[in-house]
Full PDB file with SEQRES, HELIX, SHEET, SSBOND, CRYST1, ORIGX, SCALE, CONECT and MASTER records, all heavy atoms in Angstrom:
SEQRES   1 A   39  SER ALA PHE PHE ASP THR GLN LEU ASP ASP VAL LEU SER          
SEQRES   2 A   39  ARG GLU GLY ILE ASN THR VAL VAL LEU ALA GLY THR THR          
SEQRES   3 A   39  THR PRO ASN CYS VAL ARG SER THR CYS TYR ASP ALA LEU          
HELIX    1 AA1 LEU A    8  ARG A   14  1                                   7    
HELIX    2 AA2 THR A   27  VAL A   31  3                                   5    
HELIX    3 AA3 ARG A   32  ALA A   38  1                                   7    
CRYST1    1.000    1.000    1.000  90.00  90.00  90.00 P 1           1          
ORIGX1      1.000000  0.000000  0.000000        0.00000                         
ORIGX2      0.000000  1.000000  0.000000        0.00000                         
ORIGX3      0.000000  0.000000  1.000000        0.00000                         
SCALE1      1.000000  0.000000  0.000000        0.00000                         
SCALE2      0.000000  1.000000  0.000000        0.00000                         
SCALE3      0.000000  0.000000  1.000000        0.00000                         
ATOM      1  N   SER A   1       0.858  -1.225  -0.042  1.00  0.00           N  
ATOM      2  CA  SER A   1      -0.046  -0.023   0.039  1.00  0.00           C  
ATOM      3  C   SER A   1       0.833   1.191  -0.025  1.00  0.00           C  
ATOM      4  O   SER A   1       1.882   1.419   0.730  1.00  0.00           O  
ATOM      5  CB  SER A   1      -0.953   0.055   1.247  1.00  0.00           C  
ATOM      6  OG  SER A   1      -1.546   1.278   1.335  1.00  0.00           O  
ATOM      7  N   ALA A   2       0.383   2.296  -0.761  1.00  0.00           N  
ATOM      8  CA  ALA A   2       1.154   3.577  -0.773  1.00  0.00           C  
ATOM      9  C   ALA A   2       0.878   4.283   0.584  1.00  0.00           C  
ATOM     10  O   ALA A   2       1.715   5.237   0.772  1.00  0.00           O  
ATOM     11  CB  ALA A   2       0.546   4.441  -1.944  1.00  0.00           C  
ATOM     12  N   PHE A   3       0.022   3.892   1.443  1.00  0.00           N  
ATOM     13  CA  PHE A   3      -0.236   4.475   2.715  1.00  0.00           C  
ATOM     14  C   PHE A   3       0.568   3.774   3.850  1.00  0.00           C  
ATOM     15  O   PHE A   3       0.689   4.345   4.900  1.00  0.00           O  
ATOM     16  CB  PHE A   3      -1.714   4.506   3.042  1.00  0.00           C  
ATOM     17  CG  PHE A   3      -2.528   5.484   2.111  1.00  0.00           C  
ATOM     18  CD1 PHE A   3      -3.225   4.930   1.057  1.00  0.00           C  
ATOM     19  CD2 PHE A   3      -2.568   6.767   2.517  1.00  0.00           C  
ATOM     20  CE1 PHE A   3      -3.927   5.907   0.278  1.00  0.00           C  
ATOM     21  CE2 PHE A   3      -3.306   7.692   1.651  1.00  0.00           C  
ATOM     22  CZ  PHE A   3      -4.030   7.214   0.580  1.00  0.00           C  
ATOM     23  N   PHE A   4       1.057   2.606   3.628  1.00  0.00           N  
ATOM     24  CA  PHE A   4       1.612   1.894   4.633  1.00  0.00           C  
ATOM     25  C   PHE A   4       3.031   2.370   5.046  1.00  0.00           C  
ATOM     26  O   PHE A   4       3.905   2.336   4.216  1.00  0.00           O  
ATOM     27  CB  PHE A   4       1.762   0.336   4.373  1.00  0.00           C  
ATOM     28  CG  PHE A   4       2.327  -0.477   5.390  1.00  0.00           C  
ATOM     29  CD1 PHE A   4       1.508  -0.981   6.377  1.00  0.00           C  
ATOM     30  CD2 PHE A   4       3.707  -0.786   5.413  1.00  0.00           C  
ATOM     31  CE1 PHE A   4       2.075  -1.733   7.424  1.00  0.00           C  
ATOM     32  CE2 PHE A   4       4.201  -1.512   6.338  1.00  0.00           C  
ATOM     33  CZ  PHE A   4       3.490  -2.068   7.466  1.00  0.00           C  
ATOM     34  N   ASP A   5       3.183   2.833   6.277  1.00  0.00           N  
ATOM     35  CA  ASP A   5       4.423   3.316   6.747  1.00  0.00           C  
ATOM     36  C   ASP A   5       4.990   4.379   5.864  1.00  0.00           C  
ATOM     37  O   ASP A   5       6.287   4.532   5.634  1.00  0.00           O  
ATOM     38  CB  ASP A   5       5.398   2.205   6.945  1.00  0.00           C  
ATOM     39  CG  ASP A   5       6.448   2.441   7.998  1.00  0.00           C  
ATOM     40  OD1 ASP A   5       6.283   3.409   8.859  1.00  0.00           O  
ATOM     41  OD2 ASP A   5       7.466   1.841   7.999  1.00  0.00           O  
ATOM     42  N   THR A   6       4.155   5.311   5.340  1.00  0.00           N  
ATOM     43  CA  THR A   6       4.616   6.466   4.654  1.00  0.00           C  
ATOM     44  C   THR A   6       3.953   7.680   5.123  1.00  0.00           C  
ATOM     45  O   THR A   6       3.059   7.539   6.075  1.00  0.00           O  
ATOM     46  CB  THR A   6       4.284   6.402   3.096  1.00  0.00           C  
ATOM     47  OG1 THR A   6       2.900   6.566   2.935  1.00  0.00           O  
ATOM     48  CG2 THR A   6       4.801   5.105   2.537  1.00  0.00           C  
ATOM     49  N   GLN A   7       4.241   8.876   4.709  1.00  0.00           N  
ATOM     50  CA  GLN A   7       3.606  10.099   5.152  1.00  0.00           C  
ATOM     51  C   GLN A   7       2.520  10.493   4.132  1.00  0.00           C  
ATOM     52  O   GLN A   7       2.113  11.628   4.115  1.00  0.00           O  
ATOM     53  CB  GLN A   7       4.564  11.158   5.352  1.00  0.00           C  
ATOM     54  CG  GLN A   7       5.304  11.001   6.586  1.00  0.00           C  
ATOM     55  CD  GLN A   7       6.213  12.199   7.019  1.00  0.00           C  
ATOM     56  OE1 GLN A   7       6.626  12.949   6.140  1.00  0.00           O  
ATOM     57  NE2 GLN A   7       6.388  12.438   8.326  1.00  0.00           N  
ATOM     58  N   LEU A   8       2.084   9.677   3.242  1.00  0.00           N  
ATOM     59  CA  LEU A   8       1.159  10.087   2.123  1.00  0.00           C  
ATOM     60  C   LEU A   8      -0.136  10.711   2.780  1.00  0.00           C  
ATOM     61  O   LEU A   8      -0.602  11.724   2.319  1.00  0.00           O  
ATOM     62  CB  LEU A   8       0.854   8.831   1.242  1.00  0.00           C  
ATOM     63  CG  LEU A   8      -0.094   9.181   0.137  1.00  0.00           C  
ATOM     64  CD1 LEU A   8       0.525  10.237  -0.758  1.00  0.00           C  
ATOM     65  CD2 LEU A   8      -0.425   7.879  -0.645  1.00  0.00           C  
ATOM     66  N   ASP A   9      -0.724  10.035   3.748  1.00  0.00           N  
ATOM     67  CA  ASP A   9      -1.881  10.500   4.359  1.00  0.00           C  
ATOM     68  C   ASP A   9      -1.754  11.937   4.961  1.00  0.00           C  
ATOM     69  O   ASP A   9      -2.597  12.798   4.810  1.00  0.00           O  
ATOM     70  CB  ASP A   9      -2.444   9.459   5.412  1.00  0.00           C  
ATOM     71  CG  ASP A   9      -3.783  10.003   5.987  1.00  0.00           C  
ATOM     72  OD1 ASP A   9      -4.597  10.491   5.284  1.00  0.00           O  
ATOM     73  OD2 ASP A   9      -3.980   9.831   7.238  1.00  0.00           O  
ATOM     74  N   ASP A  10      -0.628  12.065   5.611  1.00  0.00           N  
ATOM     75  CA  ASP A  10      -0.355  13.431   6.149  1.00  0.00           C  
ATOM     76  C   ASP A  10      -0.184  14.439   5.232  1.00  0.00           C  
ATOM     77  O   ASP A  10      -0.719  15.520   5.245  1.00  0.00           O  
ATOM     78  CB  ASP A  10       0.979  13.352   6.986  1.00  0.00           C  
ATOM     79  CG  ASP A  10       0.996  12.367   8.238  1.00  0.00           C  
ATOM     80  OD1 ASP A  10      -0.102  12.395   8.862  1.00  0.00           O  
ATOM     81  OD2 ASP A  10       1.943  11.720   8.546  1.00  0.00           O  
ATOM     82  N   VAL A  11       0.544  14.148   4.118  1.00  0.00           N  
ATOM     83  CA  VAL A  11       0.627  15.149   3.050  1.00  0.00           C  
ATOM     84  C   VAL A  11      -0.638  15.488   2.390  1.00  0.00           C  
ATOM     85  O   VAL A  11      -1.002  16.668   2.217  1.00  0.00           O  
ATOM     86  CB  VAL A  11       1.706  14.612   1.998  1.00  0.00           C  
ATOM     87  CG1 VAL A  11       1.773  15.584   0.789  1.00  0.00           C  
ATOM     88  CG2 VAL A  11       3.061  14.498   2.569  1.00  0.00           C  
ATOM     89  N   LEU A  12      -1.404  14.483   2.064  1.00  0.00           N  
ATOM     90  CA  LEU A  12      -2.776  14.704   1.446  1.00  0.00           C  
ATOM     91  C   LEU A  12      -3.578  15.462   2.389  1.00  0.00           C  
ATOM     92  O   LEU A  12      -4.390  16.325   1.833  1.00  0.00           O  
ATOM     93  CB  LEU A  12      -3.345  13.386   0.966  1.00  0.00           C  
ATOM     94  CG  LEU A  12      -2.640  12.523  -0.005  1.00  0.00           C  
ATOM     95  CD1 LEU A  12      -3.377  11.321  -0.331  1.00  0.00           C  
ATOM     96  CD2 LEU A  12      -2.258  13.221  -1.256  1.00  0.00           C  
ATOM     97  N   SER A  13      -3.672  15.182   3.559  1.00  0.00           N  
ATOM     98  CA  SER A  13      -4.509  15.829   4.510  1.00  0.00           C  
ATOM     99  C   SER A  13      -4.219  17.279   4.711  1.00  0.00           C  
ATOM    100  O   SER A  13      -5.012  18.118   4.709  1.00  0.00           O  
ATOM    101  CB  SER A  13      -4.497  15.207   5.904  1.00  0.00           C  
ATOM    102  OG  SER A  13      -5.002  13.871   5.885  1.00  0.00           O  
ATOM    103  N   ARG A  14      -2.848  17.596   4.777  1.00  0.00           N  
ATOM    104  CA  ARG A  14      -2.366  18.937   4.892  1.00  0.00           C  
ATOM    105  C   ARG A  14      -2.790  19.744   3.604  1.00  0.00           C  
ATOM    106  O   ARG A  14      -3.064  20.990   3.820  1.00  0.00           O  
ATOM    107  CB  ARG A  14      -0.909  19.054   5.047  1.00  0.00           C  
ATOM    108  CG  ARG A  14      -0.391  18.705   6.430  1.00  0.00           C  
ATOM    109  CD  ARG A  14       1.006  19.166   6.678  1.00  0.00           C  
ATOM    110  NE  ARG A  14       2.013  18.758   5.602  1.00  0.00           N  
ATOM    111  CZ  ARG A  14       2.730  17.669   5.736  1.00  0.00           C  
ATOM    112  NH1 ARG A  14       2.585  16.842   6.791  1.00  0.00           N  
ATOM    113  NH2 ARG A  14       3.536  17.276   4.805  1.00  0.00           N  
ATOM    114  N   GLU A  15      -2.853  19.155   2.499  1.00  0.00           N  
ATOM    115  CA  GLU A  15      -3.168  19.906   1.288  1.00  0.00           C  
ATOM    116  C   GLU A  15      -4.588  19.906   0.974  1.00  0.00           C  
ATOM    117  O   GLU A  15      -4.985  20.368  -0.070  1.00  0.00           O  
ATOM    118  CB  GLU A  15      -2.367  19.398   0.103  1.00  0.00           C  
ATOM    119  CG  GLU A  15      -0.967  19.433   0.353  1.00  0.00           C  
ATOM    120  CD  GLU A  15      -0.050  19.063  -0.813  1.00  0.00           C  
ATOM    121  OE1 GLU A  15      -0.631  18.603  -1.841  1.00  0.00           O  
ATOM    122  OE2 GLU A  15       1.179  19.018  -0.712  1.00  0.00           O  
ATOM    123  N   GLY A  16      -5.466  19.396   1.844  1.00  0.00           N  
ATOM    124  CA  GLY A  16      -6.944  19.427   1.712  1.00  0.00           C  
ATOM    125  C   GLY A  16      -7.416  18.494   0.622  1.00  0.00           C  
ATOM    126  O   GLY A  16      -8.485  18.705  -0.060  1.00  0.00           O  
ATOM    127  N   ILE A  17      -6.723  17.428   0.315  1.00  0.00           N  
ATOM    128  CA  ILE A  17      -7.051  16.481  -0.735  1.00  0.00           C  
ATOM    129  C   ILE A  17      -7.900  15.420  -0.161  1.00  0.00           C  
ATOM    130  O   ILE A  17      -7.680  14.880   0.886  1.00  0.00           O  
ATOM    131  CB  ILE A  17      -5.793  15.817  -1.338  1.00  0.00           C  
ATOM    132  CG1 ILE A  17      -4.957  16.877  -2.200  1.00  0.00           C  
ATOM    133  CG2 ILE A  17      -6.134  14.613  -2.132  1.00  0.00           C  
ATOM    134  CD1 ILE A  17      -3.711  16.388  -2.637  1.00  0.00           C  
ATOM    135  N   ASN A  18      -9.113  15.227  -0.880  1.00  0.00           N  
ATOM    136  CA  ASN A  18     -10.028  14.217  -0.337  1.00  0.00           C  
ATOM    137  C   ASN A  18     -10.317  13.044  -1.267  1.00  0.00           C  
ATOM    138  O   ASN A  18     -11.179  12.211  -0.995  1.00  0.00           O  
ATOM    139  CB  ASN A  18     -11.375  14.845   0.057  1.00  0.00           C  
ATOM    140  CG  ASN A  18     -12.160  15.506  -1.196  1.00  0.00           C  
ATOM    141  OD1 ASN A  18     -11.580  15.382  -2.377  1.00  0.00           O  
ATOM    142  ND2 ASN A  18     -13.219  16.083  -0.999  1.00  0.00           N  
ATOM    143  N   THR A  19      -9.655  13.048  -2.447  1.00  0.00           N  
ATOM    144  CA  THR A  19      -9.852  12.053  -3.454  1.00  0.00           C  
ATOM    145  C   THR A  19      -8.488  11.554  -4.009  1.00  0.00           C  
ATOM    146  O   THR A  19      -7.601  12.411  -4.274  1.00  0.00           O  
ATOM    147  CB  THR A  19     -10.699  12.620  -4.564  1.00  0.00           C  
ATOM    148  OG1 THR A  19     -11.869  13.023  -4.080  1.00  0.00           O  
ATOM    149  CG2 THR A  19     -10.925  11.615  -5.636  1.00  0.00           C  
ATOM    150  N   VAL A  20      -8.364  10.289  -4.208  1.00  0.00           N  
ATOM    151  CA  VAL A  20      -7.207   9.686  -4.901  1.00  0.00           C  
ATOM    152  C   VAL A  20      -7.620   8.968  -6.145  1.00  0.00           C  
ATOM    153  O   VAL A  20      -8.565   8.211  -6.097  1.00  0.00           O  
ATOM    154  CB  VAL A  20      -6.298   8.772  -3.981  1.00  0.00           C  
ATOM    155  CG1 VAL A  20      -5.752   9.636  -2.889  1.00  0.00           C  
ATOM    156  CG2 VAL A  20      -7.160   7.722  -3.393  1.00  0.00           C  
ATOM    157  N   VAL A  21      -6.898   9.122  -7.218  1.00  0.00           N  
ATOM    158  CA  VAL A  21      -7.092   8.496  -8.499  1.00  0.00           C  
ATOM    159  C   VAL A  21      -5.920   7.516  -8.610  1.00  0.00           C  
ATOM    160  O   VAL A  21      -4.718   7.905  -8.607  1.00  0.00           O  
ATOM    161  CB  VAL A  21      -7.166   9.419  -9.654  1.00  0.00           C  
ATOM    162  CG1 VAL A  21      -7.266   8.612 -11.010  1.00  0.00           C  
ATOM    163  CG2 VAL A  21      -8.306  10.375  -9.519  1.00  0.00           C  
ATOM    164  N   LEU A  22      -6.226   6.204  -8.778  1.00  0.00           N  
ATOM    165  CA  LEU A  22      -5.096   5.177  -8.796  1.00  0.00           C  
ATOM    166  C   LEU A  22      -4.839   4.645 -10.185  1.00  0.00           C  
ATOM    167  O   LEU A  22      -5.836   4.212 -11.008  1.00  0.00           O  
ATOM    168  CB  LEU A  22      -5.535   4.019  -7.879  1.00  0.00           C  
ATOM    169  CG  LEU A  22      -5.985   4.423  -6.422  1.00  0.00           C  
ATOM    170  CD1 LEU A  22      -6.179   3.226  -5.569  1.00  0.00           C  
ATOM    171  CD2 LEU A  22      -4.916   5.259  -5.800  1.00  0.00           C  
ATOM    172  N   ALA A  23      -3.520   4.487 -10.555  1.00  0.00           N  
ATOM    173  CA  ALA A  23      -3.208   3.833 -11.721  1.00  0.00           C  
ATOM    174  C   ALA A  23      -1.849   3.191 -11.422  1.00  0.00           C  
ATOM    175  O   ALA A  23      -1.130   3.557 -10.468  1.00  0.00           O  
ATOM    176  CB  ALA A  23      -2.974   4.816 -12.913  1.00  0.00           C  
ATOM    177  N   GLY A  24      -1.540   2.039 -12.189  1.00  0.00           N  
ATOM    178  CA  GLY A  24      -0.306   1.412 -11.962  1.00  0.00           C  
ATOM    179  C   GLY A  24      -0.460  -0.126 -11.837  1.00  0.00           C  
ATOM    180  O   GLY A  24      -1.408  -0.621 -12.357  1.00  0.00           O  
ATOM    181  N   THR A  25       0.531  -0.700 -11.104  1.00  0.00           N  
ATOM    182  CA  THR A  25       0.458  -2.140 -11.031  1.00  0.00           C  
ATOM    183  C   THR A  25       0.971  -2.597  -9.613  1.00  0.00           C  
ATOM    184  O   THR A  25       1.689  -1.879  -8.891  1.00  0.00           O  
ATOM    185  CB  THR A  25       1.478  -2.754 -12.114  1.00  0.00           C  
ATOM    186  OG1 THR A  25       1.084  -4.128 -12.296  1.00  0.00           O  
ATOM    187  CG2 THR A  25       2.860  -2.563 -11.813  1.00  0.00           C  
ATOM    188  N   THR A  26       0.545  -3.733  -9.114  1.00  0.00           N  
ATOM    189  CA  THR A  26      -0.413  -4.681  -9.766  1.00  0.00           C  
ATOM    190  C   THR A  26      -1.827  -4.442  -9.100  1.00  0.00           C  
ATOM    191  O   THR A  26      -1.922  -3.939  -7.941  1.00  0.00           O  
ATOM    192  CB  THR A  26      -0.126  -6.083  -9.576  1.00  0.00           C  
ATOM    193  OG1 THR A  26      -0.126  -6.457  -8.121  1.00  0.00           O  
ATOM    194  CG2 THR A  26       1.315  -6.444 -10.019  1.00  0.00           C  
ATOM    195  N   THR A  27      -2.810  -4.671  -9.838  1.00  0.00           N  
ATOM    196  CA  THR A  27      -4.158  -4.440  -9.301  1.00  0.00           C  
ATOM    197  C   THR A  27      -4.488  -5.166  -8.080  1.00  0.00           C  
ATOM    198  O   THR A  27      -4.984  -4.507  -7.149  1.00  0.00           O  
ATOM    199  CB  THR A  27      -5.240  -4.818 -10.424  1.00  0.00           C  
ATOM    200  OG1 THR A  27      -4.861  -4.026 -11.600  1.00  0.00           O  
ATOM    201  CG2 THR A  27      -6.664  -4.386 -10.002  1.00  0.00           C  
ATOM    202  N   PRO A  28      -4.182  -6.501  -7.953  1.00  0.00           N  
ATOM    203  CA  PRO A  28      -4.641  -7.189  -6.757  1.00  0.00           C  
ATOM    204  C   PRO A  28      -3.682  -6.888  -5.480  1.00  0.00           C  
ATOM    205  O   PRO A  28      -4.106  -7.154  -4.382  1.00  0.00           O  
ATOM    206  CB  PRO A  28      -4.543  -8.755  -7.034  1.00  0.00           C  
ATOM    207  CG  PRO A  28      -3.553  -8.709  -8.168  1.00  0.00           C  
ATOM    208  CD  PRO A  28      -3.752  -7.442  -8.965  1.00  0.00           C  
ATOM    209  N   ASN A  29      -2.520  -6.470  -5.748  1.00  0.00           N  
ATOM    210  CA  ASN A  29      -1.611  -6.184  -4.680  1.00  0.00           C  
ATOM    211  C   ASN A  29      -1.493  -4.683  -4.292  1.00  0.00           C  
ATOM    212  O   ASN A  29      -2.157  -4.145  -3.408  1.00  0.00           O  
ATOM    213  CB  ASN A  29      -0.269  -6.674  -4.884  1.00  0.00           C  
ATOM    214  CG  ASN A  29      -0.206  -8.203  -5.136  1.00  0.00           C  
ATOM    215  OD1 ASN A  29      -0.998  -8.852  -4.573  1.00  0.00           O  
ATOM    216  ND2 ASN A  29       0.750  -8.718  -5.788  1.00  0.00           N  
ATOM    217  N   CYS A  30      -0.694  -3.936  -5.004  1.00  0.00           N  
ATOM    218  CA  CYS A  30      -0.492  -2.574  -4.676  1.00  0.00           C  
ATOM    219  C   CYS A  30      -1.608  -1.671  -4.790  1.00  0.00           C  
ATOM    220  O   CYS A  30      -1.865  -0.634  -4.029  1.00  0.00           O  
ATOM    221  CB  CYS A  30       0.873  -2.096  -5.297  1.00  0.00           C  
ATOM    222  SG  CYS A  30       2.218  -3.067  -4.898  1.00  0.00           S  
ATOM    223  N   VAL A  31      -2.279  -1.743  -6.052  1.00  0.00           N  
ATOM    224  CA  VAL A  31      -3.444  -0.916  -6.336  1.00  0.00           C  
ATOM    225  C   VAL A  31      -4.601  -1.178  -5.318  1.00  0.00           C  
ATOM    226  O   VAL A  31      -5.091  -0.281  -4.711  1.00  0.00           O  
ATOM    227  CB  VAL A  31      -3.906  -1.066  -7.751  1.00  0.00           C  
ATOM    228  CG1 VAL A  31      -5.224  -0.247  -7.952  1.00  0.00           C  
ATOM    229  CG2 VAL A  31      -2.721  -0.589  -8.729  1.00  0.00           C  
ATOM    230  N   ARG A  32      -4.913  -2.331  -5.127  1.00  0.00           N  
ATOM    231  CA  ARG A  32      -5.978  -2.835  -4.322  1.00  0.00           C  
ATOM    232  C   ARG A  32      -5.724  -2.441  -2.808  1.00  0.00           C  
ATOM    233  O   ARG A  32      -6.563  -1.946  -2.140  1.00  0.00           O  
ATOM    234  CB  ARG A  32      -6.327  -4.252  -4.404  1.00  0.00           C  
ATOM    235  CG  ARG A  32      -7.474  -4.726  -3.495  1.00  0.00           C  
ATOM    236  CD  ARG A  32      -7.923  -6.080  -3.885  1.00  0.00           C  
ATOM    237  NE  ARG A  32      -8.949  -6.616  -2.907  1.00  0.00           N  
ATOM    238  CZ  ARG A  32      -9.740  -7.608  -3.195  1.00  0.00           C  
ATOM    239  NH1 ARG A  32      -9.857  -8.181  -4.395  1.00  0.00           N  
ATOM    240  NH2 ARG A  32     -10.665  -8.023  -2.222  1.00  0.00           N  
ATOM    241  N   SER A  33      -4.553  -2.705  -2.287  1.00  0.00           N  
ATOM    242  CA  SER A  33      -4.318  -2.464  -0.891  1.00  0.00           C  
ATOM    243  C   SER A  33      -4.203  -0.897  -0.703  1.00  0.00           C  
ATOM    244  O   SER A  33      -4.635  -0.409   0.285  1.00  0.00           O  
ATOM    245  CB  SER A  33      -2.942  -3.030  -0.518  1.00  0.00           C  
ATOM    246  OG  SER A  33      -1.870  -2.498  -1.215  1.00  0.00           O  
ATOM    247  N   THR A  34      -3.784  -0.144  -1.684  1.00  0.00           N  
ATOM    248  CA  THR A  34      -3.821   1.305  -1.630  1.00  0.00           C  
ATOM    249  C   THR A  34      -5.363   1.818  -1.632  1.00  0.00           C  
ATOM    250  O   THR A  34      -5.661   2.672  -0.839  1.00  0.00           O  
ATOM    251  CB  THR A  34      -3.051   2.009  -2.773  1.00  0.00           C  
ATOM    252  OG1 THR A  34      -1.701   1.543  -2.684  1.00  0.00           O  
ATOM    253  CG2 THR A  34      -3.145   3.525  -2.680  1.00  0.00           C  
ATOM    254  N   CYS A  35      -6.049   1.176  -2.467  1.00  0.00           N  
ATOM    255  CA  CYS A  35      -7.574   1.524  -2.539  1.00  0.00           C  
ATOM    256  C   CYS A  35      -8.249   1.394  -1.151  1.00  0.00           C  
ATOM    257  O   CYS A  35      -8.897   2.204  -0.596  1.00  0.00           O  
ATOM    258  CB  CYS A  35      -8.195   0.722  -3.603  1.00  0.00           C  
ATOM    259  SG  CYS A  35     -10.004   0.772  -3.655  1.00  0.00           S  
ATOM    260  N   TYR A  36      -8.048   0.131  -0.645  1.00  0.00           N  
ATOM    261  CA  TYR A  36      -8.708  -0.089   0.692  1.00  0.00           C  
ATOM    262  C   TYR A  36      -8.193   0.743   1.848  1.00  0.00           C  
ATOM    263  O   TYR A  36      -8.966   1.218   2.791  1.00  0.00           O  
ATOM    264  CB  TYR A  36      -8.510  -1.663   1.015  1.00  0.00           C  
ATOM    265  CG  TYR A  36      -9.499  -2.531   0.301  1.00  0.00           C  
ATOM    266  CD1 TYR A  36      -9.617  -2.520  -1.150  1.00  0.00           C  
ATOM    267  CD2 TYR A  36     -10.341  -3.358   1.000  1.00  0.00           C  
ATOM    268  CE1 TYR A  36     -10.557  -3.312  -1.768  1.00  0.00           C  
ATOM    269  CE2 TYR A  36     -11.281  -4.102   0.379  1.00  0.00           C  
ATOM    270  CZ  TYR A  36     -11.283  -4.103  -1.062  1.00  0.00           C  
ATOM    271  OH  TYR A  36     -12.250  -4.853  -1.656  1.00  0.00           O  
ATOM    272  N   ASP A  37      -6.823   1.028   1.843  1.00  0.00           N  
ATOM    273  CA  ASP A  37      -6.472   1.888   2.942  1.00  0.00           C  
ATOM    274  C   ASP A  37      -6.937   3.225   2.684  1.00  0.00           C  
ATOM    275  O   ASP A  37      -7.342   4.024   3.720  1.00  0.00           O  
ATOM    276  CB  ASP A  37      -4.810   1.994   2.872  1.00  0.00           C  
ATOM    277  CG  ASP A  37      -4.246   0.790   3.569  1.00  0.00           C  
ATOM    278  OD1 ASP A  37      -5.054  -0.055   4.119  1.00  0.00           O  
ATOM    279  OD2 ASP A  37      -2.975   0.566   3.488  1.00  0.00           O  
ATOM    280  N   ALA A  38      -7.061   3.730   1.496  1.00  0.00           N  
ATOM    281  CA  ALA A  38      -7.602   5.118   1.216  1.00  0.00           C  
ATOM    282  C   ALA A  38      -9.068   5.162   1.663  1.00  0.00           C  
ATOM    283  O   ALA A  38      -9.592   6.111   2.273  1.00  0.00           O  
ATOM    284  CB  ALA A  38      -7.529   5.441  -0.315  1.00  0.00           C  
ATOM    285  N   LEU A  39      -9.799   4.096   1.386  1.00  0.00           N  
ATOM    286  CA  LEU A  39     -11.219   4.055   1.870  1.00  0.00           C  
ATOM    287  C   LEU A  39     -11.321   4.063   3.293  1.00  0.00           C  
ATOM    288  O   LEU A  39     -12.153   4.701   3.892  1.00  0.00           O  
ATOM    289  CB  LEU A  39     -11.931   2.833   1.160  1.00  0.00           C  
ATOM    290  CG  LEU A  39     -12.240   2.879  -0.265  1.00  0.00           C  
ATOM    291  CD1 LEU A  39     -12.647   1.497  -0.746  1.00  0.00           C  
ATOM    292  CD2 LEU A  39     -13.211   3.834  -0.664  1.00  0.00           C  
TER     293      LEU A  39                                                      
MASTER        0    0    0    3    0    0    0    6  292    1    0    3          
END                                                                             
């Protein structure tokens, strides 16, 4: 996940971002885990 043990959530929150658009690989691993953490 892009959110796991990174500061991504902190950065997005500080900038008032409420939506993430996901592209890349792989769908069942990194994309999906990032999706679920974002939700």
